[in-house]
Amino acid sequence: DEQKLRMENAQLKEELDRISSIAAKYIGRPFSRLPSIQPIAASSL
């Protein structure tokens, strides 16, 4: 139902905020600028 979906949505937002901070440490730019799932491909590789 709608209440359960809202609870799951809130949990996903918290996880996204935490992972975004880790991504900035390793990649050097905000996680939101990256493609959602696919990995980065080097231009020559």
ModelCIF file with pLDDT and N, C-alpha, C, O atoms, coordinates in Angstrom:
data_MODEL
#
_entry.id   MODEL 
#
_entity.id                         1 
_entity.type                       polymer 
_entity.pdbx_number_of_molecules   1 
#
_entity_poly.entity_id                      1 
_entity_poly.type                           'polypeptide(L)' 
_entity_poly.nstd_linkage                   no 
_entity_poly.nstd_monomer                   no 
_entity_poly.pdbx_seq_one_letter_code       DEQKLRMENAQLKEELDRISSIAAKYIGRPFSRLPSIQPIAASSL 
_entity_poly.pdbx_seq_one_letter_code_can   DEQKLRMENAQLKEELDRISSIAAKYIGRPFSRLPSIQPIAASSL 
_entity_poly.pdbx_strand_id                 A 
#
loop_
_entity_poly_seq.entity_id 
_entity_poly_seq.num 
_entity_poly_seq.mon_id 
_entity_poly_seq.hetero 
1 1  ASP n 
1 2  GLU n 
1 3  GLN n 
1 4  LYS n 
1 5  LEU n 
1 6  ARG n 
1 7  MET n 
1 8  GLU n 
1 9  ASN n 
1 10 ALA n 
1 11 GLN n 
1 12 LEU n 
1 13 LYS n 
1 14 GLU n 
1 15 GLU n 
1 16 LEU n 
1 17 ASP n 
1 18 ARG n 
1 19 ILE n 
1 20 SER n 
1 21 SER n 
1 22 ILE n 
1 23 ALA n 
1 24 ALA n 
1 25 LYS n 
1 26 TYR n 
1 27 ILE n 
1 28 GLY n 
1 29 ARG n 
1 30 PRO n 
1 31 PHE n 
1 32 SER n 
1 33 ARG n 
1 34 LEU n 
1 35 PRO n 
1 36 SER n 
1 37 ILE n 
1 38 GLN n 
1 39 PRO n 
1 40 ILE n 
1 41 ALA n 
1 42 ALA n 
1 43 SER n 
1 44 SER n 
1 45 LEU n 
#
_struct_asym.id          A 
_struct_asym.entity_id   1 
#
loop_
_ma_qa_metric.id 
_ma_qa_metric.mode 
_ma_qa_metric.name 
_ma_qa_metric.software_group_id 
_ma_qa_metric.type 
1 global pLDDT . pLDDT 
2 local  pLDDT . pLDDT 
#
_ma_qa_metric_global.metric_id      1 
_ma_qa_metric_global.metric_value   58.09 
_ma_qa_metric_global.model_id       1 
_ma_qa_metric_global.ordinal_id     1 
#
loop_
_ma_qa_metric_local.label_asym_id 
_ma_qa_metric_local.label_comp_id 
_ma_qa_metric_local.label_seq_id 
_ma_qa_metric_local.metric_id 
_ma_qa_metric_local.metric_value 
_ma_qa_metric_local.model_id 
_ma_qa_metric_local.ordinal_id 
A ASP 1  2 64.00 1 1  
A GLU 2  2 68.00 1 2  
A GLN 3  2 68.00 1 3  
A LYS 4  2 73.00 1 4  
A LEU 5  2 77.00 1 5  
A ARG 6  2 71.00 1 6  
A MET 7  2 77.00 1 7  
A GLU 8  2 76.00 1 8  
A ASN 9  2 76.00 1 9  
A ALA 10 2 76.00 1 10 
A GLN 11 2 75.00 1 11 
A LEU 12 2 77.00 1 12 
A LYS 13 2 74.00 1 13 
A GLU 14 2 73.00 1 14 
A GLU 15 2 72.00 1 15 
A LEU 16 2 73.00 1 16 
A ASP 17 2 71.00 1 17 
A ARG 18 2 69.00 1 18 
A ILE 19 2 69.00 1 19 
A SER 20 2 69.00 1 20 
A SER 21 2 67.00 1 21 
A ILE 22 2 65.00 1 22 
A ALA 23 2 65.00 1 23 
A ALA 24 2 63.00 1 24 
A LYS 25 2 60.00 1 25 
A TYR 26 2 58.00 1 26 
A ILE 27 2 57.00 1 27 
A GLY 28 2 55.00 1 28 
A ARG 29 2 53.00 1 29 
A PRO 30 2 54.00 1 30 
A PHE 31 2 50.00 1 31 
A SER 32 2 46.00 1 32 
A ARG 33 2 41.00 1 33 
A LEU 34 2 41.00 1 34 
A PRO 35 2 39.00 1 35 
A SER 36 2 38.00 1 36 
A ILE 37 2 34.00 1 37 
A GLN 38 2 37.00 1 38 
A PRO 39 2 37.00 1 39 
A ILE 40 2 33.00 1 40 
A ALA 41 2 36.00 1 41 
A ALA 42 2 35.00 1 42 
A SER 43 2 33.00 1 43 
A SER 44 2 34.00 1 44 
A LEU 45 2 35.00 1 45 
#
loop_
_atom_site.group_PDB 
_atom_site.id 
_atom_site.type_symbol 
_atom_site.label_atom_id 
_atom_site.label_alt_id 
_atom_site.label_comp_id 
_atom_site.label_asym_id 
_atom_site.label_entity_id 
_atom_site.label_seq_id 
_atom_site.pdbx_PDB_ins_code 
_atom_site.Cartn_x 
_atom_site.Cartn_y 
_atom_site.Cartn_z 
_atom_site.occupancy 
_atom_site.B_iso_or_equiv 
_atom_site.pdbx_formal_charge 
_atom_site.auth_seq_id 
_atom_site.auth_comp_id 
_atom_site.auth_asym_id 
_atom_site.auth_atom_id 
_atom_site.pdbx_PDB_model_num 
ATOM 1   N N  . ASP A 1 1  ? 0.841  -1.203 0.000   1.00 64.00 ? 1  ASP A N  1 
ATOM 2   C CA . ASP A 1 1  ? 0.000  0.000  0.000   1.00 64.00 ? 1  ASP A CA 1 
ATOM 3   C C  . ASP A 1 1  ? 0.870  1.244  0.000   1.00 64.00 ? 1  ASP A C  1 
ATOM 4   O O  . ASP A 1 1  ? 2.099  1.177  -0.019  1.00 64.00 ? 1  ASP A O  1 
ATOM 5   N N  . GLU A 1 2  ? 0.200  2.364  0.022   1.00 68.00 ? 2  GLU A N  1 
ATOM 6   C CA . GLU A 1 2  ? 0.909  3.642  -0.094  1.00 68.00 ? 2  GLU A CA 1 
ATOM 7   C C  . GLU A 1 2  ? 1.824  3.900  1.089   1.00 68.00 ? 2  GLU A C  1 
ATOM 8   O O  . GLU A 1 2  ? 2.917  4.439  0.920   1.00 68.00 ? 2  GLU A O  1 
ATOM 9   N N  . GLN A 1 3  ? 1.378  3.513  2.318   1.00 68.00 ? 3  GLN A N  1 
ATOM 10  C CA . GLN A 1 3  ? 2.211  3.770  3.486   1.00 68.00 ? 3  GLN A CA 1 
ATOM 11  C C  . GLN A 1 3  ? 3.525  2.998  3.430   1.00 68.00 ? 3  GLN A C  1 
ATOM 12  O O  . GLN A 1 3  ? 4.577  3.538  3.773   1.00 68.00 ? 3  GLN A O  1 
ATOM 13  N N  . LYS A 1 4  ? 3.470  1.747  3.001   1.00 73.00 ? 4  LYS A N  1 
ATOM 14  C CA . LYS A 1 4  ? 4.687  0.946  2.919   1.00 73.00 ? 4  LYS A CA 1 
ATOM 15  C C  . LYS A 1 4  ? 5.636  1.489  1.858   1.00 73.00 ? 4  LYS A C  1 
ATOM 16  O O  . LYS A 1 4  ? 6.852  1.500  2.050   1.00 73.00 ? 4  LYS A O  1 
ATOM 17  N N  . LEU A 1 5  ? 5.075  1.942  0.738   1.00 77.00 ? 5  LEU A N  1 
ATOM 18  C CA . LEU A 1 5  ? 5.905  2.510  -0.312  1.00 77.00 ? 5  LEU A CA 1 
ATOM 19  C C  . LEU A 1 5  ? 6.608  3.771  0.164   1.00 77.00 ? 5  LEU A C  1 
ATOM 20  O O  . LEU A 1 5  ? 7.770  4.003  -0.171  1.00 77.00 ? 5  LEU A O  1 
ATOM 21  N N  . ARG A 1 6  ? 5.909  4.586  0.941   1.00 71.00 ? 6  ARG A N  1 
ATOM 22  C CA . ARG A 1 6  ? 6.541  5.804  1.454   1.00 71.00 ? 6  ARG A CA 1 
ATOM 23  C C  . ARG A 1 6  ? 7.681  5.480  2.420   1.00 71.00 ? 6  ARG A C  1 
ATOM 24  O O  . ARG A 1 6  ? 8.708  6.158  2.408   1.00 71.00 ? 6  ARG A O  1 
ATOM 25  N N  . MET A 1 7  ? 7.513  4.453  3.254   1.00 77.00 ? 7  MET A N  1 
ATOM 26  C CA . MET A 1 7  ? 8.578  4.063  4.177   1.00 77.00 ? 7  MET A CA 1 
ATOM 27  C C  . MET A 1 7  ? 9.802  3.560  3.407   1.00 77.00 ? 7  MET A C  1 
ATOM 28  O O  . MET A 1 7  ? 10.936 3.902  3.745   1.00 77.00 ? 7  MET A O  1 
ATOM 29  N N  . GLU A 1 8  ? 9.572  2.758  2.384   1.00 76.00 ? 8  GLU A N  1 
ATOM 30  C CA . GLU A 1 8  ? 10.689 2.267  1.590   1.00 76.00 ? 8  GLU A CA 1 
ATOM 31  C C  . GLU A 1 8  ? 11.387 3.400  0.850   1.00 76.00 ? 8  GLU A C  1 
ATOM 32  O O  . GLU A 1 8  ? 12.610 3.397  0.709   1.00 76.00 ? 8  GLU A O  1 
ATOM 33  N N  . ASN A 1 9  ? 10.604 4.371  0.378   1.00 76.00 ? 9  ASN A N  1 
ATOM 34  C CA . ASN A 1 9  ? 11.179 5.509  -0.320  1.00 76.00 ? 9  ASN A CA 1 
ATOM 35  C C  . ASN A 1 9  ? 12.093 6.321  0.601   1.00 76.00 ? 9  ASN A C  1 
ATOM 36  O O  . ASN A 1 9  ? 13.154 6.783  0.183   1.00 76.00 ? 9  ASN A O  1 
ATOM 37  N N  . ALA A 1 10 ? 11.671 6.490  1.858   1.00 76.00 ? 10 ALA A N  1 
ATOM 38  C CA . ALA A 1 10 ? 12.490 7.234  2.813   1.00 76.00 ? 10 ALA A CA 1 
ATOM 39  C C  . ALA A 1 10 ? 13.803 6.498  3.096   1.00 76.00 ? 10 ALA A C  1 
ATOM 40  O O  . ALA A 1 10 ? 14.858 7.123  3.202   1.00 76.00 ? 10 ALA A O  1 
ATOM 41  N N  . GLN A 1 11 ? 13.733 5.173  3.218   1.00 75.00 ? 11 GLN A N  1 
ATOM 42  C CA . GLN A 1 11 ? 14.951 4.399  3.454   1.00 75.00 ? 11 GLN A CA 1 
ATOM 43  C C  . GLN A 1 11 ? 15.917 4.492  2.269   1.00 75.00 ? 11 GLN A C  1 
ATOM 44  O O  . GLN A 1 11 ? 17.128 4.600  2.458   1.00 75.00 ? 11 GLN A O  1 
ATOM 45  N N  . LEU A 1 12 ? 15.377 4.448  1.051   1.00 77.00 ? 12 LEU A N  1 
ATOM 46  C CA . LEU A 1 12 ? 16.222 4.557  -0.137  1.00 77.00 ? 12 LEU A CA 1 
ATOM 47  C C  . LEU A 1 12 ? 16.892 5.920  -0.223  1.00 77.00 ? 12 LEU A C  1 
ATOM 48  O O  . LEU A 1 12 ? 18.045 6.025  -0.640  1.00 77.00 ? 12 LEU A O  1 
ATOM 49  N N  . LYS A 1 13 ? 16.171 6.961  0.170   1.00 74.00 ? 13 LYS A N  1 
ATOM 50  C CA . LYS A 1 13 ? 16.776 8.297  0.147   1.00 74.00 ? 13 LYS A CA 1 
ATOM 51  C C  . LYS A 1 13 ? 17.939 8.395  1.131   1.00 74.00 ? 13 LYS A C  1 
ATOM 52  O O  . LYS A 1 13 ? 18.969 8.995  0.823   1.00 74.00 ? 13 LYS A O  1 
ATOM 53  N N  . GLU A 1 14 ? 17.771 7.798  2.332   1.00 73.00 ? 14 GLU A N  1 
ATOM 54  C CA . GLU A 1 14 ? 18.864 7.809  3.305   1.00 73.00 ? 14 GLU A CA 1 
ATOM 55  C C  . GLU A 1 14 ? 20.083 7.057  2.764   1.00 73.00 ? 14 GLU A C  1 
ATOM 56  O O  . GLU A 1 14 ? 21.217 7.514  2.914   1.00 73.00 ? 14 GLU A O  1 
ATOM 57  N N  . GLU A 1 15 ? 19.844 5.908  2.138   1.00 72.00 ? 15 GLU A N  1 
ATOM 58  C CA . GLU A 1 15 ? 20.941 5.132  1.574   1.00 72.00 ? 15 GLU A CA 1 
ATOM 59  C C  . GLU A 1 15 ? 21.624 5.886  0.435   1.00 72.00 ? 15 GLU A C  1 
ATOM 60  O O  . GLU A 1 15 ? 22.846 5.835  0.302   1.00 72.00 ? 15 GLU A O  1 
ATOM 61  N N  . LEU A 1 16 ? 20.839 6.586  -0.386  1.00 73.00 ? 16 LEU A N  1 
ATOM 62  C CA . LEU A 1 16 ? 21.408 7.357  -1.479  1.00 73.00 ? 16 LEU A CA 1 
ATOM 63  C C  . LEU A 1 16 ? 22.310 8.468  -0.953  1.00 73.00 ? 16 LEU A C  1 
ATOM 64  O O  . LEU A 1 16 ? 23.389 8.702  -1.498  1.00 73.00 ? 16 LEU A O  1 
ATOM 65  N N  . ASP A 1 17 ? 21.869 9.162  0.115   1.00 71.00 ? 17 ASP A N  1 
ATOM 66  C CA . ASP A 1 17 ? 22.693 10.232 0.685   1.00 71.00 ? 17 ASP A CA 1 
ATOM 67  C C  . ASP A 1 17 ? 24.019 9.685  1.217   1.00 71.00 ? 17 ASP A C  1 
ATOM 68  O O  . ASP A 1 17 ? 25.069 10.300 1.031   1.00 71.00 ? 17 ASP A O  1 
ATOM 69  N N  . ARG A 1 18 ? 23.964 8.532  1.876   1.00 69.00 ? 18 ARG A N  1 
ATOM 70  C CA . ARG A 1 18 ? 25.185 7.955  2.432   1.00 69.00 ? 18 ARG A CA 1 
ATOM 71  C C  . ARG A 1 18 ? 26.149 7.525  1.330   1.00 69.00 ? 18 ARG A C  1 
ATOM 72  O O  . ARG A 1 18 ? 27.350 7.786  1.411   1.00 69.00 ? 18 ARG A O  1 
ATOM 73  N N  . ILE A 1 19 ? 25.621 6.866  0.304   1.00 69.00 ? 19 ILE A N  1 
ATOM 74  C CA . ILE A 1 19 ? 26.471 6.384  -0.780  1.00 69.00 ? 19 ILE A CA 1 
ATOM 75  C C  . ILE A 1 19 ? 27.015 7.548  -1.597  1.00 69.00 ? 19 ILE A C  1 
ATOM 76  O O  . ILE A 1 19 ? 28.133 7.473  -2.106  1.00 69.00 ? 19 ILE A O  1 
ATOM 77  N N  . SER A 1 20 ? 26.245 8.618  -1.730  1.00 69.00 ? 20 SER A N  1 
ATOM 78  C CA . SER A 1 20 ? 26.723 9.773  -2.479  1.00 69.00 ? 20 SER A CA 1 
ATOM 79  C C  . SER A 1 20 ? 27.951 10.386 -1.824  1.00 69.00 ? 20 SER A C  1 
ATOM 80  O O  . SER A 1 20 ? 28.871 10.834 -2.508  1.00 69.00 ? 20 SER A O  1 
ATOM 81  N N  . SER A 1 21 ? 27.961 10.404 -0.481  1.00 67.00 ? 21 SER A N  1 
ATOM 82  C CA . SER A 1 21 ? 29.125 10.949 0.206   1.00 67.00 ? 21 SER A CA 1 
ATOM 83  C C  . SER A 1 21 ? 30.352 10.067 0.008   1.00 67.00 ? 21 SER A C  1 
ATOM 84  O O  . SER A 1 21 ? 31.465 10.578 -0.113  1.00 67.00 ? 21 SER A O  1 
ATOM 85  N N  . ILE A 1 22 ? 30.158 8.727  -0.027  1.00 65.00 ? 22 ILE A N  1 
ATOM 86  C CA . ILE A 1 22 ? 31.280 7.818  -0.282  1.00 65.00 ? 22 ILE A CA 1 
ATOM 87  C C  . ILE A 1 22 ? 31.780 7.982  -1.707  1.00 65.00 ? 22 ILE A C  1 
ATOM 88  O O  . ILE A 1 22 ? 32.985 7.956  -1.956  1.00 65.00 ? 22 ILE A O  1 
ATOM 89  N N  . ALA A 1 23 ? 30.844 8.152  -2.652  1.00 65.00 ? 23 ALA A N  1 
ATOM 90  C CA . ALA A 1 23 ? 31.226 8.291  -4.057  1.00 65.00 ? 23 ALA A CA 1 
ATOM 91  C C  . ALA A 1 23 ? 32.097 9.514  -4.281  1.00 65.00 ? 23 ALA A C  1 
ATOM 92  O O  . ALA A 1 23 ? 33.040 9.477  -5.072  1.00 65.00 ? 23 ALA A O  1 
ATOM 93  N N  . ALA A 1 24 ? 31.782 10.597 -3.585  1.00 63.00 ? 24 ALA A N  1 
ATOM 94  C CA . ALA A 1 24 ? 32.585 11.803 -3.750  1.00 63.00 ? 24 ALA A CA 1 
ATOM 95  C C  . ALA A 1 24 ? 34.034 11.573 -3.325  1.00 63.00 ? 24 ALA A C  1 
ATOM 96  O O  . ALA A 1 24 ? 34.958 12.165 -3.882  1.00 63.00 ? 24 ALA A O  1 
ATOM 97  N N  . LYS A 1 25 ? 34.218 10.704 -2.328  1.00 60.00 ? 25 LYS A N  1 
ATOM 98  C CA . LYS A 1 25 ? 35.577 10.427 -1.841  1.00 60.00 ? 25 LYS A CA 1 
ATOM 99  C C  . LYS A 1 25 ? 36.392 9.664  -2.868  1.00 60.00 ? 25 LYS A C  1 
ATOM 100 O O  . LYS A 1 25 ? 37.569 9.962  -3.072  1.00 60.00 ? 25 LYS A O  1 
ATOM 101 N N  . TYR A 1 26 ? 35.769 8.667  -3.526  1.00 58.00 ? 26 TYR A N  1 
ATOM 102 C CA . TYR A 1 26 ? 36.518 7.789  -4.417  1.00 58.00 ? 26 TYR A CA 1 
ATOM 103 C C  . TYR A 1 26 ? 36.603 8.307  -5.841  1.00 58.00 ? 26 TYR A C  1 
ATOM 104 O O  . TYR A 1 26 ? 37.611 8.104  -6.518  1.00 58.00 ? 26 TYR A O  1 
ATOM 105 N N  . ILE A 1 27 ? 35.542 8.982  -6.304  1.00 57.00 ? 27 ILE A N  1 
ATOM 106 C CA . ILE A 1 27 ? 35.470 9.337  -7.721  1.00 57.00 ? 27 ILE A CA 1 
ATOM 107 C C  . ILE A 1 27 ? 35.784 10.802 -7.954  1.00 57.00 ? 27 ILE A C  1 
ATOM 108 O O  . ILE A 1 27 ? 36.231 11.174 -9.039  1.00 57.00 ? 27 ILE A O  1 
ATOM 109 N N  . GLY A 1 28 ? 35.553 11.640 -6.947  1.00 55.00 ? 28 GLY A N  1 
ATOM 110 C CA . GLY A 1 28 ? 35.928 13.033 -7.083  1.00 55.00 ? 28 GLY A CA 1 
ATOM 111 C C  . GLY A 1 28 ? 34.826 13.925 -7.613  1.00 55.00 ? 28 GLY A C  1 
ATOM 112 O O  . GLY A 1 28 ? 35.067 15.104 -7.874  1.00 55.00 ? 28 GLY A O  1 
ATOM 113 N N  . ARG A 1 29 ? 33.619 13.396 -7.781  1.00 53.00 ? 29 ARG A N  1 
ATOM 114 C CA . ARG A 1 29 ? 32.483 14.218 -8.186  1.00 53.00 ? 29 ARG A CA 1 
ATOM 115 C C  . ARG A 1 29 ? 31.214 13.594 -7.634  1.00 53.00 ? 29 ARG A C  1 
ATOM 116 O O  . ARG A 1 29 ? 31.206 12.407 -7.306  1.00 53.00 ? 29 ARG A O  1 
ATOM 117 N N  . PRO A 1 30 ? 30.126 14.378 -7.524  1.00 54.00 ? 30 PRO A N  1 
ATOM 118 C CA . PRO A 1 30 ? 28.907 13.867 -6.898  1.00 54.00 ? 30 PRO A CA 1 
ATOM 119 C C  . PRO A 1 30 ? 28.382 12.628 -7.609  1.00 54.00 ? 30 PRO A C  1 
ATOM 120 O O  . PRO A 1 30 ? 28.491 12.496 -8.828  1.00 54.00 ? 30 PRO A O  1 
ATOM 121 N N  . PHE A 1 31 ? 27.811 11.723 -6.822  1.00 50.00 ? 31 PHE A N  1 
ATOM 122 C CA . PHE A 1 31 ? 27.295 10.472 -7.370  1.00 50.00 ? 31 PHE A CA 1 
ATOM 123 C C  . PHE A 1 31 ? 26.126 10.712 -8.321  1.00 50.00 ? 31 PHE A C  1 
ATOM 124 O O  . PHE A 1 31 ? 25.909 9.917  -9.234  1.00 50.00 ? 31 PHE A O  1 
ATOM 125 N N  . SER A 1 32 ? 25.363 11.800 -8.125  1.00 46.00 ? 32 SER A N  1 
ATOM 126 C CA . SER A 1 32 ? 24.207 12.075 -8.973  1.00 46.00 ? 32 SER A CA 1 
ATOM 127 C C  . SER A 1 32 ? 24.597 12.357 -10.411 1.00 46.00 ? 32 SER A C  1 
ATOM 128 O O  . SER A 1 32 ? 23.766 12.196 -11.304 1.00 46.00 ? 32 SER A O  1 
ATOM 129 N N  . ARG A 1 33 ? 25.852 12.779 -10.675 1.00 41.00 ? 33 ARG A N  1 
ATOM 130 C CA . ARG A 1 33 ? 26.294 13.046 -12.038 1.00 41.00 ? 33 ARG A CA 1 
ATOM 131 C C  . ARG A 1 33 ? 26.650 11.772 -12.793 1.00 41.00 ? 33 ARG A C  1 
ATOM 132 O O  . ARG A 1 33 ? 26.805 11.788 -14.014 1.00 41.00 ? 33 ARG A O  1 
ATOM 133 N N  . LEU A 1 34 ? 26.781 10.654 -12.049 1.00 41.00 ? 34 LEU A N  1 
ATOM 134 C CA . LEU A 1 34 ? 27.166 9.405  -12.692 1.00 41.00 ? 34 LEU A CA 1 
ATOM 135 C C  . LEU A 1 34 ? 25.950 8.722  -13.284 1.00 41.00 ? 34 LEU A C  1 
ATOM 136 O O  . LEU A 1 34 ? 24.832 8.958  -12.827 1.00 41.00 ? 34 LEU A O  1 
ATOM 137 N N  . PRO A 1 35 ? 26.140 7.878  -14.295 1.00 39.00 ? 35 PRO A N  1 
ATOM 138 C CA . PRO A 1 35 ? 25.037 7.057  -14.756 1.00 39.00 ? 35 PRO A CA 1 
ATOM 139 C C  . PRO A 1 35 ? 24.526 6.206  -13.610 1.00 39.00 ? 35 PRO A C  1 
ATOM 140 O O  . PRO A 1 35 ? 25.298 5.832  -12.727 1.00 39.00 ? 35 PRO A O  1 
ATOM 141 N N  . SER A 1 36 ? 23.245 5.895  -13.608 1.00 38.00 ? 36 SER A N  1 
ATOM 142 C CA . SER A 1 36 ? 22.610 5.280  -12.459 1.00 38.00 ? 36 SER A CA 1 
ATOM 143 C C  . SER A 1 36 ? 23.157 3.907  -12.129 1.00 38.00 ? 36 SER A C  1 
ATOM 144 O O  . SER A 1 36 ? 23.330 3.592  -10.952 1.00 38.00 ? 36 SER A O  1 
ATOM 145 N N  . ILE A 1 37 ? 23.438 3.073  -13.132 1.00 34.00 ? 37 ILE A N  1 
ATOM 146 C CA . ILE A 1 37 ? 23.879 1.712  -12.862 1.00 34.00 ? 37 ILE A CA 1 
ATOM 147 C C  . ILE A 1 37 ? 25.132 1.365  -13.631 1.00 34.00 ? 37 ILE A C  1 
ATOM 148 O O  . ILE A 1 37 ? 26.044 0.750  -13.077 1.00 34.00 ? 37 ILE A O  1 
ATOM 149 N N  . GLN A 1 38 ? 25.199 1.746  -14.897 1.00 37.00 ? 38 GLN A N  1 
ATOM 150 C CA . GLN A 1 38 ? 26.314 1.304  -15.737 1.00 37.00 ? 38 GLN A CA 1 
ATOM 151 C C  . GLN A 1 38 ? 27.619 1.933  -15.276 1.00 37.00 ? 38 GLN A C  1 
ATOM 152 O O  . GLN A 1 38 ? 27.620 3.096  -14.871 1.00 37.00 ? 38 GLN A O  1 
ATOM 153 N N  . PRO A 1 39 ? 28.732 1.204  -15.323 1.00 37.00 ? 39 PRO A N  1 
ATOM 154 C CA . PRO A 1 39 ? 30.026 1.735  -14.914 1.00 37.00 ? 39 PRO A CA 1 
ATOM 155 C C  . PRO A 1 39 ? 30.583 2.704  -15.935 1.00 37.00 ? 39 PRO A C  1 
ATOM 156 O O  . PRO A 1 39 ? 30.182 2.712  -17.099 1.00 37.00 ? 39 PRO A O  1 
ATOM 157 N N  . ILE A 1 40 ? 31.527 3.532  -15.467 1.00 33.00 ? 40 ILE A N  1 
ATOM 158 C CA . ILE A 1 40 ? 32.192 4.476  -16.350 1.00 33.00 ? 40 ILE A CA 1 
ATOM 159 C C  . ILE A 1 40 ? 33.119 3.717  -17.286 1.00 33.00 ? 40 ILE A C  1 
ATOM 160 O O  . ILE A 1 40 ? 33.820 2.801  -16.856 1.00 33.00 ? 40 ILE A O  1 
ATOM 161 N N  . ALA A 1 41 ? 33.131 4.079  -18.531 1.00 36.00 ? 41 ALA A N  1 
ATOM 162 C CA . ALA A 1 41 ? 34.040 3.467  -19.506 1.00 36.00 ? 41 ALA A CA 1 
ATOM 163 C C  . ALA A 1 41 ? 35.080 4.482  -19.920 1.00 36.00 ? 41 ALA A C  1 
ATOM 164 O O  . ALA A 1 41 ? 34.745 5.597  -20.319 1.00 36.00 ? 41 ALA A O  1 
ATOM 165 N N  . ALA A 1 42 ? 36.335 4.101  -19.827 1.00 35.00 ? 42 ALA A N  1 
ATOM 166 C CA . ALA A 1 42 ? 37.393 5.006  -20.245 1.00 35.00 ? 42 ALA A CA 1 
ATOM 167 C C  . ALA A 1 42 ? 37.327 5.213  -21.750 1.00 35.00 ? 42 ALA A C  1 
ATOM 168 O O  . ALA A 1 42 ? 36.931 4.322  -22.501 1.00 35.00 ? 42 ALA A O  1 
ATOM 169 N N  . SER A 1 43 ? 37.722 6.404  -22.171 1.00 33.00 ? 43 SER A N  1 
ATOM 170 C CA . SER A 1 43 ? 37.594 6.747  -23.580 1.00 33.00 ? 43 SER A CA 1 
ATOM 171 C C  . SER A 1 43 ? 38.407 5.838  -24.483 1.00 33.00 ? 43 SER A C  1 
ATOM 172 O O  . SER A 1 43 ? 37.982 5.528  -25.596 1.00 33.00 ? 43 SER A O  1 
ATOM 173 N N  . SER A 1 44 ? 39.580 5.404  -24.013 1.00 34.00 ? 44 SER A N  1 
ATOM 174 C CA . SER A 1 44 ? 40.450 4.598  -24.862 1.00 34.00 ? 44 SER A CA 1 
ATOM 175 C C  . SER A 1 44 ? 40.442 3.129  -24.498 1.00 34.00 ? 44 SER A C  1 
ATOM 176 O O  . SER A 1 44 ? 41.143 2.332  -25.121 1.00 34.00 ? 44 SER A O  1 
ATOM 177 N N  . LEU A 1 45 ? 39.644 2.754  -23.476 1.00 35.00 ? 45 LEU A N  1 
ATOM 178 C CA . LEU A 1 45 ? 39.659 1.378  -23.019 1.00 35.00 ? 45 LEU A CA 1 
ATOM 179 C C  . LEU A 1 45 ? 38.252 0.830  -22.969 1.00 35.00 ? 45 LEU A C  1 
ATOM 180 O O  . LEU A 1 45 ? 38.052 -0.328 -22.604 1.00 35.00 ? 45 LEU A O  1 
#
